[in-house]
């Protein structure tokens, strides 16, 4: 059983982003300056050196990369992300842009990228907004407004429709309850399991809005109790019920949101797998997942190996090529170094 008994959804932003400690009053030390200088040297003059940039930035964890982004601007009066945009293109360039931003800004850039052009790439959107802590959701909305002077909720309301919009709207509220055994009792779990059934299996036409509200509010421990209650009464799990009730993208997003509360590492591993299997690799989704979840990638990797019998490195190697492949493999190696 890969249920981890969390009382709250797991966070992924590092301390430096949470504490908003983005001003190097004491300086970050010579190591950060050296890394910034390496990027500067590799991108100066005619033709940038891709490998040297990979060696400088993809080898670092998110905390170090946050410091590099701040320090680069101080040293060279230019945003690191702008250097990457100018010097590199394609999937490789996009990945470097995301690596050059603190976690919250990177996620905002990912959403913006997913919403450019005709029709949003919804799997990137829901993988970012579903299954988040209240604090990180609040941070994401504020950062989006600061960066683009646009309300994230309004943007997504214009890009999404139907049940997908309803699910994302509920996730954007950042209103997961704090688990309280006095309030989240066995009785309440049974009552809400019955309510979900009455809004889904027990009626003609699914009431997505009602289901999403209940699932988004419920903290992981309560979800587990609702799940047991649902299975005892109706013979299958909440996850199975959502598979039957929802279709297409909405089904994938709902199952992901539920999975992030029940077995987050396995759920992330499954989404990485789905970005790689089927007809053609989903490069944007794969890139966003490997960069966003780097802080917890060792746990994700363990769950993925246990379930699928192969590493995420193996998937990347078989799906993408060139320097883009080298970059993604280095992002993985920083969290989970390969043997040999």
C-alpha atoms as a PDB file:
ATOM      1  CA  UNK A   1       0.000   0.000   0.000  1.00  0.00           C
ATOM      2  CA  UNK A   2       1.621   3.236  -1.162  1.00  0.00           C
ATOM      3  CA  UNK A   3      -0.664   5.532   0.838  1.00  0.00           C
ATOM      4  CA  UNK A   4       1.657   7.752   2.848  1.00  0.00           C
ATOM      5  CA  UNK A   5      -0.713   8.901   5.591  1.00  0.00           C
ATOM      6  CA  UNK A   6      -0.260  12.620   5.066  1.00  0.00           C
ATOM      7  CA  UNK A   7      -2.498  14.972   6.969  1.00  0.00           C
ATOM      8  CA  UNK A   8      -1.862  17.727   4.430  1.00  0.00           C
ATOM      9  CA  UNK A   9      -0.950  17.824   0.742  1.00  0.00           C
ATOM     10  CA  UNK A  10       2.827  17.796   0.172  1.00  0.00           C
ATOM     11  CA  UNK A  11       4.646  21.081  -0.639  1.00  0.00           C
ATOM     12  CA  UNK A  12       7.245  21.367  -3.420  1.00  0.00           C
ATOM     13  CA  UNK A  13       8.561  24.949  -3.124  1.00  0.00           C
ATOM     14  CA  UNK A  14      11.958  25.215  -1.372  1.00  0.00           C
ATOM     15  CA  UNK A  15      12.508  27.352   1.713  1.00  0.00           C
ATOM     16  CA  UNK A  16      14.105  30.215  -0.223  1.00  0.00           C
ATOM     17  CA  UNK A  17      10.871  30.690  -2.199  1.00  0.00           C
ATOM     18  CA  UNK A  18       8.539  30.176   0.781  1.00  0.00           C
ATOM     19  CA  UNK A  19      10.422  32.612   2.972  1.00  0.00           C
ATOM     20  CA  UNK A  20      10.643  35.054   0.096  1.00  0.00           C
ATOM     21  CA  UNK A  21      14.316  35.334   0.948  1.00  0.00           C
ATOM     22  CA  UNK A  22      15.283  36.534  -2.499  1.00  0.00           C
ATOM     23  CA  UNK A  23      17.714  39.308  -1.578  1.00  0.00           C
ATOM     24  CA  UNK A  24      21.338  38.342  -1.008  1.00  0.00           C
ATOM     25  CA  UNK A  25      22.126  40.822   1.795  1.00  0.00           C
ATOM     26  CA  UNK A  26      25.070  38.747   2.960  1.00  0.00           C
ATOM     27  CA  UNK A  27      25.818  37.654  -0.584  1.00  0.00           C
ATOM     28  CA  UNK A  28      25.470  34.052  -1.698  1.00  0.00           C
ATOM     29  CA  UNK A  29      29.185  33.300  -1.743  1.00  0.00           C
ATOM     30  CA  UNK A  30      31.729  32.807  -4.493  1.00  0.00           C
ATOM     31  CA  UNK A  31      30.280  29.473  -5.697  1.00  0.00           C
ATOM     32  CA  UNK A  32      27.149  31.214  -7.020  1.00  0.00           C
ATOM     33  CA  UNK A  33      29.241  33.954  -8.644  1.00  0.00           C
ATOM     34  CA  UNK A  34      31.380  31.304 -10.349  1.00  0.00           C
ATOM     35  CA  UNK A  35      28.305  29.519 -11.764  1.00  0.00           C
ATOM     36  CA  UNK A  36      26.916  32.828 -13.060  1.00  0.00           C
ATOM     37  CA  UNK A  37      30.263  33.611 -14.659  1.00  0.00           C
ATOM     38  CA  UNK A  38      30.303  30.180 -16.348  1.00  0.00           C
ATOM     39  CA  UNK A  39      26.917  30.926 -17.942  1.00  0.00           C
ATOM     40  CA  UNK A  40      28.055  34.402 -18.943  1.00  0.00           C
ATOM     41  CA  UNK A  41      31.195  32.995 -20.594  1.00  0.00           C
ATOM     42  CA  UNK A  42      29.242  30.222 -22.331  1.00  0.00           C
ATOM     43  CA  UNK A  43      26.706  32.663 -23.814  1.00  0.00           C
ATOM     44  CA  UNK A  44      29.044  35.485 -24.842  1.00  0.00           C
ATOM     45  CA  UNK A  45      30.100  36.072 -28.404  1.00  0.00           C
ATOM     46  CA  UNK A  46      29.171  34.032 -31.441  1.00  0.00           C
ATOM     47  CA  UNK A  47      27.156  30.876 -30.677  1.00  0.00           C
ATOM     48  CA  UNK A  48      26.427  29.748 -27.133  1.00  0.00           C
ATOM     49  CA  UNK A  49      27.997  26.618 -25.651  1.00  0.00           C
ATOM     50  CA  UNK A  50      25.054  24.389 -24.731  1.00  0.00           C
ATOM     51  CA  UNK A  51      27.047  21.843 -22.746  1.00  0.00           C
ATOM     52  CA  UNK A  52      28.710  24.475 -20.566  1.00  0.00           C
ATOM     53  CA  UNK A  53      25.307  25.971 -19.764  1.00  0.00           C
ATOM     54  CA  UNK A  54      23.952  22.503 -18.883  1.00  0.00           C
ATOM     55  CA  UNK A  55      26.999  21.936 -16.643  1.00  0.00           C
ATOM     56  CA  UNK A  56      26.432  25.240 -14.825  1.00  0.00           C
ATOM     57  CA  UNK A  57      22.653  25.245 -14.287  1.00  0.00           C
ATOM     58  CA  UNK A  58      21.202  21.734 -14.651  1.00  0.00           C
ATOM     59  CA  UNK A  59      23.672  20.350 -12.105  1.00  0.00           C
ATOM     60  CA  UNK A  60      22.195  22.564  -9.374  1.00  0.00           C
ATOM     61  CA  UNK A  61      19.188  22.085  -7.115  1.00  0.00           C
ATOM     62  CA  UNK A  62      16.330  24.582  -7.031  1.00  0.00           C
ATOM     63  CA  UNK A  63      17.703  26.555  -4.058  1.00  0.00           C
ATOM     64  CA  UNK A  64      21.029  27.163  -5.828  1.00  0.00           C
ATOM     65  CA  UNK A  65      19.243  27.982  -9.093  1.00  0.00           C
ATOM     66  CA  UNK A  66      17.088  30.586  -7.302  1.00  0.00           C
ATOM     67  CA  UNK A  67      20.259  32.215  -5.997  1.00  0.00           C
ATOM     68  CA  UNK A  68      21.838  32.123  -9.465  1.00  0.00           C
ATOM     69  CA  UNK A  69      18.827  33.899 -10.979  1.00  0.00           C
ATOM     70  CA  UNK A  70      19.045  36.702  -8.412  1.00  0.00           C
ATOM     71  CA  UNK A  71      22.827  37.035  -8.503  1.00  0.00           C
ATOM     72  CA  UNK A  72      23.105  36.933 -12.299  1.00  0.00           C
ATOM     73  CA  UNK A  73      21.049  40.105 -12.571  1.00  0.00           C
ATOM     74  CA  UNK A  74      23.161  41.851  -9.938  1.00  0.00           C
ATOM     75  CA  UNK A  75      26.403  40.917 -11.652  1.00  0.00           C
ATOM     76  CA  UNK A  76      25.448  41.462 -15.290  1.00  0.00           C
ATOM     77  CA  UNK A  77      22.322  43.676 -15.162  1.00  0.00           C
ATOM     78  CA  UNK A  78      20.341  41.167 -17.142  1.00  0.00           C
ATOM     79  CA  UNK A  79      17.742  38.586 -16.161  1.00  0.00           C
ATOM     80  CA  UNK A  80      19.115  35.066 -16.498  1.00  0.00           C
ATOM     81  CA  UNK A  81      15.847  33.915 -18.099  1.00  0.00           C
ATOM     82  CA  UNK A  82      16.230  36.599 -20.808  1.00  0.00           C
ATOM     83  CA  UNK A  83      19.711  35.303 -21.637  1.00  0.00           C
ATOM     84  CA  UNK A  84      18.273  31.800 -22.087  1.00  0.00           C
ATOM     85  CA  UNK A  85      15.410  33.090 -24.258  1.00  0.00           C
ATOM     86  CA  UNK A  86      17.785  34.965 -26.512  1.00  0.00           C
ATOM     87  CA  UNK A  87      20.471  32.276 -26.865  1.00  0.00           C
ATOM     88  CA  UNK A  88      18.490  29.040 -27.100  1.00  0.00           C
ATOM     89  CA  UNK A  89      15.374  27.795 -28.848  1.00  0.00           C
ATOM     90  CA  UNK A  90      13.120  24.758 -29.124  1.00  0.00           C
ATOM     91  CA  UNK A  91      12.449  22.348 -26.248  1.00  0.00           C
ATOM     92  CA  UNK A  92      16.012  22.848 -25.009  1.00  0.00           C
ATOM     93  CA  UNK A  93      15.533  26.620 -24.765  1.00  0.00           C
ATOM     94  CA  UNK A  94      12.162  26.279 -23.030  1.00  0.00           C
ATOM     95  CA  UNK A  95      13.658  23.944 -20.415  1.00  0.00           C
ATOM     96  CA  UNK A  96      16.496  26.414 -19.740  1.00  0.00           C
ATOM     97  CA  UNK A  97      13.995  29.260 -19.308  1.00  0.00           C
ATOM     98  CA  UNK A  98      12.157  27.270 -16.625  1.00  0.00           C
ATOM     99  CA  UNK A  99      15.437  26.313 -14.913  1.00  0.00           C
ATOM    100  CA  UNK A 100      16.397  30.016 -14.752  1.00  0.00           C
ATOM    101  CA  UNK A 101      13.427  30.994 -12.581  1.00  0.00           C
ATOM    102  CA  UNK A 102      12.488  30.393  -8.920  1.00  0.00           C
ATOM    103  CA  UNK A 103       9.818  27.651  -8.527  1.00  0.00           C
ATOM    104  CA  UNK A 104       6.769  29.917  -8.348  1.00  0.00           C
ATOM    105  CA  UNK A 105       7.848  32.065 -11.311  1.00  0.00           C
ATOM    106  CA  UNK A 106       8.780  28.963 -13.303  1.00  0.00           C
ATOM    107  CA  UNK A 107       5.289  27.533 -12.774  1.00  0.00           C
ATOM    108  CA  UNK A 108       3.704  30.806 -13.878  1.00  0.00           C
ATOM    109  CA  UNK A 109       5.871  30.763 -17.021  1.00  0.00           C
ATOM    110  CA  UNK A 110       4.813  27.156 -17.628  1.00  0.00           C
ATOM    111  CA  UNK A 111       1.108  28.031 -17.382  1.00  0.00           C
ATOM    112  CA  UNK A 112       1.595  31.004 -19.679  1.00  0.00           C
ATOM    113  CA  UNK A 113       3.432  28.815 -22.191  1.00  0.00           C
ATOM    114  CA  UNK A 114       0.680  26.174 -22.013  1.00  0.00           C
ATOM    115  CA  UNK A 115      -1.975  28.828 -22.696  1.00  0.00           C
ATOM    116  CA  UNK A 116      -0.255  30.405 -25.702  1.00  0.00           C
ATOM    117  CA  UNK A 117      -1.649  29.797 -29.157  1.00  0.00           C
ATOM    118  CA  UNK A 118      -4.946  28.195 -30.064  1.00  0.00           C
ATOM    119  CA  UNK A 119      -6.274  26.002 -27.257  1.00  0.00           C
ATOM    120  CA  UNK A 120      -4.467  25.531 -23.955  1.00  0.00           C
ATOM    121  CA  UNK A 121      -2.299  22.507 -23.276  1.00  0.00           C
ATOM    122  CA  UNK A 122      -4.564  21.587 -20.400  1.00  0.00           C
ATOM    123  CA  UNK A 123      -2.483  18.746 -18.947  1.00  0.00           C
ATOM    124  CA  UNK A 124       0.298  21.212 -18.091  1.00  0.00           C
ATOM    125  CA  UNK A 125      -2.266  23.520 -16.452  1.00  0.00           C
ATOM    126  CA  UNK A 126      -3.996  20.915 -14.310  1.00  0.00           C
ATOM    127  CA  UNK A 127      -0.759  19.193 -13.321  1.00  0.00           C
ATOM    128  CA  UNK A 128       0.353  22.531 -11.817  1.00  0.00           C
ATOM    129  CA  UNK A 129      -2.872  23.650 -10.111  1.00  0.00           C
ATOM    130  CA  UNK A 130      -4.323  20.324  -8.906  1.00  0.00           C
ATOM    131  CA  UNK A 131      -3.152  18.768  -5.663  1.00  0.00           C
ATOM    132  CA  UNK A 132      -1.299  21.794  -4.262  1.00  0.00           C
ATOM    133  CA  UNK A 133      -0.964  23.114  -0.735  1.00  0.00           C
ATOM    134  CA  UNK A 134      -3.053  26.178   0.135  1.00  0.00           C
ATOM    135  CA  UNK A 135       0.104  28.216   0.734  1.00  0.00           C
ATOM    136  CA  UNK A 136       1.637  27.352  -2.639  1.00  0.00           C
ATOM    137  CA  UNK A 137      -1.608  28.009  -4.483  1.00  0.00           C
ATOM    138  CA  UNK A 138      -1.853  31.429  -2.854  1.00  0.00           C
ATOM    139  CA  UNK A 139       1.757  32.114  -3.817  1.00  0.00           C
ATOM    140  CA  UNK A 140       1.208  30.981  -7.410  1.00  0.00           C
ATOM    141  CA  UNK A 141      -1.767  33.342  -7.923  1.00  0.00           C
ATOM    142  CA  UNK A 142       0.075  36.336  -6.447  1.00  0.00           C
ATOM    143  CA  UNK A 143       3.228  35.636  -8.481  1.00  0.00           C
ATOM    144  CA  UNK A 144       1.226  35.279 -11.693  1.00  0.00           C
ATOM    145  CA  UNK A 145      -0.350  38.676 -11.163  1.00  0.00           C
ATOM    146  CA  UNK A 146       3.024  40.267 -10.328  1.00  0.00           C
ATOM    147  CA  UNK A 147       4.677  38.778 -13.422  1.00  0.00           C
ATOM    148  CA  UNK A 148       1.965  39.314 -16.027  1.00  0.00           C
ATOM    149  CA  UNK A 149      -0.456  41.819 -14.470  1.00  0.00           C
ATOM    150  CA  UNK A 150      -3.246  39.348 -15.091  1.00  0.00           C
ATOM    151  CA  UNK A 151      -5.465  37.350 -12.777  1.00  0.00           C
ATOM    152  CA  UNK A 152      -4.690  33.630 -13.045  1.00  0.00           C
ATOM    153  CA  UNK A 153      -8.305  32.646 -12.366  1.00  0.00           C
ATOM    154  CA  UNK A 154      -9.585  34.897 -15.166  1.00  0.00           C
ATOM    155  CA  UNK A 155      -6.951  33.624 -17.584  1.00  0.00           C
ATOM    156  CA  UNK A 156      -7.868  29.986 -16.925  1.00  0.00           C
ATOM    157  CA  UNK A 157     -11.606  30.723 -17.038  1.00  0.00           C
ATOM    158  CA  UNK A 158     -11.061  32.051 -20.563  1.00  0.00           C
ATOM    159  CA  UNK A 159      -8.974  29.004 -21.609  1.00  0.00           C
ATOM    160  CA  UNK A 160     -10.958  26.159 -20.018  1.00  0.00           C
ATOM    161  CA  UNK A 161     -14.601  25.174 -20.045  1.00  0.00           C
ATOM    162  CA  UNK A 162     -17.091  22.716 -18.578  1.00  0.00           C
ATOM    163  CA  UNK A 163     -15.971  20.345 -15.835  1.00  0.00           C
ATOM    164  CA  UNK A 164     -12.288  21.136 -16.429  1.00  0.00           C
ATOM    165  CA  UNK A 165     -12.935  24.778 -15.598  1.00  0.00           C
ATOM    166  CA  UNK A 166     -14.945  23.722 -12.525  1.00  0.00           C
ATOM    167  CA  UNK A 167     -12.190  21.423 -11.262  1.00  0.00           C
ATOM    168  CA  UNK A 168      -9.453  24.014 -11.796  1.00  0.00           C
ATOM    169  CA  UNK A 169     -11.617  26.728 -10.204  1.00  0.00           C
ATOM    170  CA  UNK A 170     -11.982  24.607  -7.046  1.00  0.00           C
ATOM    171  CA  UNK A 171      -8.243  23.874  -6.932  1.00  0.00           C
ATOM    172  CA  UNK A 172      -7.411  27.575  -7.375  1.00  0.00           C
ATOM    173  CA  UNK A 173      -9.338  28.412  -4.183  1.00  0.00           C
ATOM    174  CA  UNK A 174      -6.531  26.817  -2.132  1.00  0.00           C
ATOM    175  CA  UNK A 175      -9.126  25.771   0.419  1.00  0.00           C
ATOM    176  CA  UNK A 176      -8.009  22.331   1.619  1.00  0.00           C
ATOM    177  CA  UNK A 177      -9.091  21.840   5.246  1.00  0.00           C
ATOM    178  CA  UNK A 178      -6.483  21.295   7.929  1.00  0.00           C
ATOM    179  CA  UNK A 179      -7.010  17.726   9.131  1.00  0.00           C
ATOM    180  CA  UNK A 180      -8.848  17.703  12.466  1.00  0.00           C
ATOM    181  CA  UNK A 181      -9.870  14.287  13.846  1.00  0.00           C
ATOM    182  CA  UNK A 182     -12.639  15.972  15.903  1.00  0.00           C
ATOM    183  CA  UNK A 183     -14.168  17.347  12.706  1.00  0.00           C
ATOM    184  CA  UNK A 184     -13.046  14.819  10.078  1.00  0.00           C
ATOM    185  CA  UNK A 185     -14.701  11.881  11.813  1.00  0.00           C
ATOM    186  CA  UNK A 186     -15.552   8.424  10.461  1.00  0.00           C
ATOM    187  CA  UNK A 187     -19.195   9.550  10.326  1.00  0.00           C
ATOM    188  CA  UNK A 188     -18.309  12.586   8.227  1.00  0.00           C
ATOM    189  CA  UNK A 189     -16.271  10.370   5.891  1.00  0.00           C
ATOM    190  CA  UNK A 190     -19.291   8.077   5.369  1.00  0.00           C
ATOM    191  CA  UNK A 191     -21.628  11.029   4.873  1.00  0.00           C
ATOM    192  CA  UNK A 192     -19.363  12.643   2.253  1.00  0.00           C
ATOM    193  CA  UNK A 193     -18.719   9.331   0.492  1.00  0.00           C
ATOM    194  CA  UNK A 194     -22.503   8.976   0.150  1.00  0.00           C
ATOM    195  CA  UNK A 195     -22.759  12.570  -1.070  1.00  0.00           C
ATOM    196  CA  UNK A 196     -20.150  11.921  -3.781  1.00  0.00           C
ATOM    197  CA  UNK A 197     -22.054   8.810  -4.831  1.00  0.00           C
ATOM    198  CA  UNK A 198     -25.331  10.757  -4.990  1.00  0.00           C
ATOM    199  CA  UNK A 199     -23.672  13.397  -7.204  1.00  0.00           C
ATOM    200  CA  UNK A 200     -22.157  10.767  -9.496  1.00  0.00           C
ATOM    201  CA  UNK A 201     -23.070   7.096  -9.711  1.00  0.00           C
ATOM    202  CA  UNK A 202     -26.358   7.647  -7.943  1.00  0.00           C
ATOM    203  CA  UNK A 203     -27.845  10.107 -10.449  1.00  0.00           C
ATOM    204  CA  UNK A 204     -28.370  10.684 -14.120  1.00  0.00           C
ATOM    205  CA  UNK A 205     -25.596  13.037 -15.235  1.00  0.00           C
ATOM    206  CA  UNK A 206     -22.646  13.759 -12.970  1.00  0.00           C
ATOM    207  CA  UNK A 207     -22.604  16.858 -10.744  1.00  0.00           C
ATOM    208  CA  UNK A 208     -18.904  17.617 -11.255  1.00  0.00           C
ATOM    209  CA  UNK A 209     -18.985  20.890  -9.357  1.00  0.00           C
ATOM    210  CA  UNK A 210     -20.285  19.254  -6.165  1.00  0.00           C
ATOM    211  CA  UNK A 211     -17.797  16.368  -6.391  1.00  0.00           C
ATOM    212  CA  UNK A 212     -14.797  18.647  -7.025  1.00  0.00           C
ATOM    213  CA  UNK A 213     -15.675  20.886  -4.092  1.00  0.00           C
ATOM    214  CA  UNK A 214     -15.777  17.935  -1.680  1.00  0.00           C
ATOM    215  CA  UNK A 215     -12.574  16.356  -2.989  1.00  0.00           C
ATOM    216  CA  UNK A 216     -10.585  19.615  -3.075  1.00  0.00           C
ATOM    217  CA  UNK A 217     -11.549  20.558   0.484  1.00  0.00           C
ATOM    218  CA  UNK A 218     -10.791  17.155   1.990  1.00  0.00           C
ATOM    219  CA  UNK A 219      -7.284  16.713   3.448  1.00  0.00           C
ATOM    220  CA  UNK A 220      -5.419  13.466   2.614  1.00  0.00           C
ATOM    221  CA  UNK A 221      -6.281  11.590   5.814  1.00  0.00           C
ATOM    222  CA  UNK A 222      -9.979  12.362   5.391  1.00  0.00           C
ATOM    223  CA  UNK A 223      -9.803  11.317   1.720  1.00  0.00           C
ATOM    224  CA  UNK A 224      -8.412   7.958   2.835  1.00  0.00           C
ATOM    225  CA  UNK A 225     -11.332   7.517   5.268  1.00  0.00           C
ATOM    226  CA  UNK A 226     -13.848   8.574   2.593  1.00  0.00           C
ATOM    227  CA  UNK A 227     -12.230   6.104   0.238  1.00  0.00           C
ATOM    228  CA  UNK A 228     -12.656   3.247   2.733  1.00  0.00           C
ATOM    229  CA  UNK A 229     -16.254   4.272   3.391  1.00  0.00           C
ATOM    230  CA  UNK A 230     -16.999   4.463  -0.346  1.00  0.00           C
ATOM    231  CA  UNK A 231     -15.438   1.060  -1.045  1.00  0.00           C
ATOM    232  CA  UNK A 232     -17.262  -0.567   1.893  1.00  0.00           C
ATOM    233  CA  UNK A 233     -20.619   0.740   0.737  1.00  0.00           C
ATOM    234  CA  UNK A 234     -20.360   0.623  -3.074  1.00  0.00           C
ATOM    235  CA  UNK A 235     -17.747  -2.059  -3.734  1.00  0.00           C
ATOM    236  CA  UNK A 236     -15.061   0.069  -5.408  1.00  0.00           C
ATOM    237  CA  UNK A 237     -12.717   2.938  -4.578  1.00  0.00           C
ATOM    238  CA  UNK A 238     -13.204   6.665  -5.084  1.00  0.00           C
ATOM    239  CA  UNK A 239     -10.510   6.510  -7.766  1.00  0.00           C
ATOM    240  CA  UNK A 240     -12.493   3.830  -9.619  1.00  0.00           C
ATOM    241  CA  UNK A 241     -15.660   5.903  -9.229  1.00  0.00           C
ATOM    242  CA  UNK A 242     -13.959   8.938 -10.814  1.00  0.00           C
ATOM    243  CA  UNK A 243     -12.714   6.761 -13.678  1.00  0.00           C
ATOM    244  CA  UNK A 244     -16.297   5.725 -14.343  1.00  0.00           C
ATOM    245  CA  UNK A 245     -17.808   9.181 -13.846  1.00  0.00           C
ATOM    246  CA  UNK A 246     -15.448  11.455 -15.732  1.00  0.00           C
ATOM    247  CA  UNK A 247     -14.132  11.351 -19.275  1.00  0.00           C
ATOM    248  CA  UNK A 248     -11.029  12.489 -21.172  1.00  0.00           C
ATOM    249  CA  UNK A 249      -8.896  15.260 -19.713  1.00  0.00           C
ATOM    250  CA  UNK A 250     -11.230  15.811 -16.774  1.00  0.00           C
ATOM    251  CA  UNK A 251     -10.883  12.174 -15.736  1.00  0.00           C
ATOM    252  CA  UNK A 252      -7.067  12.383 -15.895  1.00  0.00           C
ATOM    253  CA  UNK A 253      -7.039  15.640 -13.910  1.00  0.00           C
ATOM    254  CA  UNK A 254      -9.462  14.390 -11.231  1.00  0.00           C
ATOM    255  CA  UNK A 255      -7.511  11.158 -10.765  1.00  0.00           C
ATOM    256  CA  UNK A 256      -4.279  13.160 -10.525  1.00  0.00           C
ATOM    257  CA  UNK A 257      -5.754  15.489  -7.898  1.00  0.00           C
ATOM    258  CA  UNK A 258      -7.045  12.542  -5.878  1.00  0.00           C
ATOM    259  CA  UNK A 259      -3.738  10.694  -6.318  1.00  0.00           C
ATOM    260  CA  UNK A 260      -1.758  13.694  -5.041  1.00  0.00           C
ATOM    261  CA  UNK A 261      -3.671  13.380  -1.769  1.00  0.00           C
ATOM    262  CA  UNK A 262      -3.392   9.592  -1.508  1.00  0.00           C
ATOM    263  CA  UNK A 263      -0.076   8.516  -3.041  1.00  0.00           C
ATOM    264  CA  UNK A 264       1.671  11.624  -4.384  1.00  0.00           C
ATOM    265  CA  UNK A 265       5.004  10.133  -5.457  1.00  0.00           C
ATOM    266  CA  UNK A 266       3.448   7.266  -7.369  1.00  0.00           C
ATOM    267  CA  UNK A 267       0.958   9.696  -8.946  1.00  0.00           C
ATOM    268  CA  UNK A 268       3.720  12.010 -10.194  1.00  0.00           C
ATOM    269  CA  UNK A 269       5.644   8.999 -11.530  1.00  0.00           C
ATOM    270  CA  UNK A 270       2.547   7.849 -13.423  1.00  0.00           C
ATOM    271  CA  UNK A 271       2.098  11.276 -15.016  1.00  0.00           C
ATOM    272  CA  UNK A 272       5.749  11.334 -16.108  1.00  0.00           C
ATOM    273  CA  UNK A 273       5.171   7.917 -17.652  1.00  0.00           C
ATOM    274  CA  UNK A 274       2.052   9.128 -19.478  1.00  0.00           C
ATOM    275  CA  UNK A 275       4.039  12.072 -20.933  1.00  0.00           C
ATOM    276  CA  UNK A 276       6.349   9.468 -22.510  1.00  0.00           C
ATOM    277  CA  UNK A 277       4.040   6.678 -23.677  1.00  0.00           C
ATOM    278  CA  UNK A 278       1.527   6.654 -26.502  1.00  0.00           C
ATOM    279  CA  UNK A 279       1.709   8.541 -29.753  1.00  0.00           C
ATOM    280  CA  UNK A 280       4.683  10.915 -29.509  1.00  0.00           C
ATOM    281  CA  UNK A 281       6.295  12.346 -26.407  1.00  0.00           C
ATOM    282  CA  UNK A 282       4.647  15.318 -24.700  1.00  0.00           C
ATOM    283  CA  UNK A 283       7.856  17.358 -24.380  1.00  0.00           C
ATOM    284  CA  UNK A 284       6.325  20.346 -22.617  1.00  0.00           C
ATOM    285  CA  UNK A 285       4.577  18.215 -19.985  1.00  0.00           C
ATOM    286  CA  UNK A 286       7.692  16.078 -19.469  1.00  0.00           C
ATOM    287  CA  UNK A 287       9.921  19.159 -19.072  1.00  0.00           C
ATOM    288  CA  UNK A 288       7.597  20.847 -16.581  1.00  0.00           C
ATOM    289  CA  UNK A 289       7.250  17.700 -14.459  1.00  0.00           C
ATOM    290  CA  UNK A 290      10.981  16.946 -14.231  1.00  0.00           C
ATOM    291  CA  UNK A 291      11.821  20.549 -13.300  1.00  0.00           C
ATOM    292  CA  UNK A 292       8.901  21.201 -10.928  1.00  0.00           C
ATOM    293  CA  UNK A 293       9.268  17.972  -8.992  1.00  0.00           C
ATOM    294  CA  UNK A 294      13.070  17.946  -8.802  1.00  0.00           C
ATOM    295  CA  UNK A 295      12.989  18.669  -5.016  1.00  0.00           C
ATOM    296  CA  UNK A 296      11.065  15.409  -4.385  1.00  0.00           C
ATOM    297  CA  UNK A 297      12.376  13.440  -7.370  1.00  0.00           C
ATOM    298  CA  UNK A 298      14.191  10.831  -5.283  1.00  0.00           C
ATOM    299  CA  UNK A 299      10.861   9.794  -3.712  1.00  0.00           C
ATOM    300  CA  UNK A 300       9.143   9.906  -7.116  1.00  0.00           C
ATOM    301  CA  UNK A 301      11.932   7.796  -8.629  1.00  0.00           C
ATOM    302  CA  UNK A 302      11.638   5.144  -5.895  1.00  0.00           C
ATOM    303  CA  UNK A 303       7.878   4.881  -6.439  1.00  0.00           C
ATOM    304  CA  UNK A 304       8.312   4.776 -10.241  1.00  0.00           C
ATOM    305  CA  UNK A 305      10.955   2.015 -10.113  1.00  0.00           C
ATOM    306  CA  UNK A 306       8.823   0.007  -7.688  1.00  0.00           C
ATOM    307  CA  UNK A 307       5.745   0.271  -9.903  1.00  0.00           C
ATOM    308  CA  UNK A 308       7.208   0.180 -13.425  1.00  0.00           C
ATOM    309  CA  UNK A 309      10.538  -1.611 -12.981  1.00  0.00           C
ATOM    310  CA  UNK A 310      12.574   1.109 -14.709  1.00  0.00           C
ATOM    311  CA  UNK A 311      14.043   4.512 -13.933  1.00  0.00           C
ATOM    312  CA  UNK A 312      12.735   7.814 -15.278  1.00  0.00           C
ATOM    313  CA  UNK A 313      16.190   8.201 -16.862  1.00  0.00           C
ATOM    314  CA  UNK A 314      15.334   5.163 -19.032  1.00  0.00           C
ATOM    315  CA  UNK A 315      12.144   6.860 -20.210  1.00  0.00           C
ATOM    316  CA  UNK A 316      13.912  10.132 -21.062  1.00  0.00           C
ATOM    317  CA  UNK A 317      16.639   8.275 -22.967  1.00  0.00           C
ATOM    318  CA  UNK A 318      14.144   6.417 -25.134  1.00  0.00           C
ATOM    319  CA  UNK A 319      11.903   9.444 -25.814  1.00  0.00           C
ATOM    320  CA  UNK A 320      14.062  12.500 -26.516  1.00  0.00           C
ATOM    321  CA  UNK A 321      17.447  13.203 -28.083  1.00  0.00           C
ATOM    322  CA  UNK A 322      20.335  15.616 -28.468  1.00  0.00           C
ATOM    323  CA  UNK A 323      21.224  18.281 -25.936  1.00  0.00           C
ATOM    324  CA  UNK A 324      17.587  18.370 -24.760  1.00  0.00           C
ATOM    325  CA  UNK A 325      18.029  14.766 -23.587  1.00  0.00           C
ATOM    326  CA  UNK A 326      21.372  15.621 -21.919  1.00  0.00           C
ATOM    327  CA  UNK A 327      19.735  18.536 -20.106  1.00  0.00           C
ATOM    328  CA  UNK A 328      16.786  16.504 -18.769  1.00  0.00           C
ATOM    329  CA  UNK A 329      19.066  13.639 -17.710  1.00  0.00           C
ATOM    330  CA  UNK A 330      21.231  16.094 -15.782  1.00  0.00           C
ATOM    331  CA  UNK A 331      18.152  17.543 -14.033  1.00  0.00           C
ATOM    332  CA  UNK A 332      17.304  13.968 -12.968  1.00  0.00           C
ATOM    333  CA  UNK A 333      20.885  13.132 -11.970  1.00  0.00           C
ATOM    334  CA  UNK A 334      21.009  16.142  -9.670  1.00  0.00           C
ATOM    335  CA  UNK A 335      18.188  14.551  -7.658  1.00  0.00           C
ATOM    336  CA  UNK A 336      18.923  10.853  -8.264  1.00  0.00           C
ATOM    337  CA  UNK A 337      22.450  10.165  -9.571  1.00  0.00           C
ATOM    338  CA  UNK A 338      22.626   7.162 -11.879  1.00  0.00           C
ATOM    339  CA  UNK A 339      25.117   4.447 -11.081  1.00  0.00           C
ATOM    340  CA  UNK A 340      28.015   3.838 -13.430  1.00  0.00           C
END
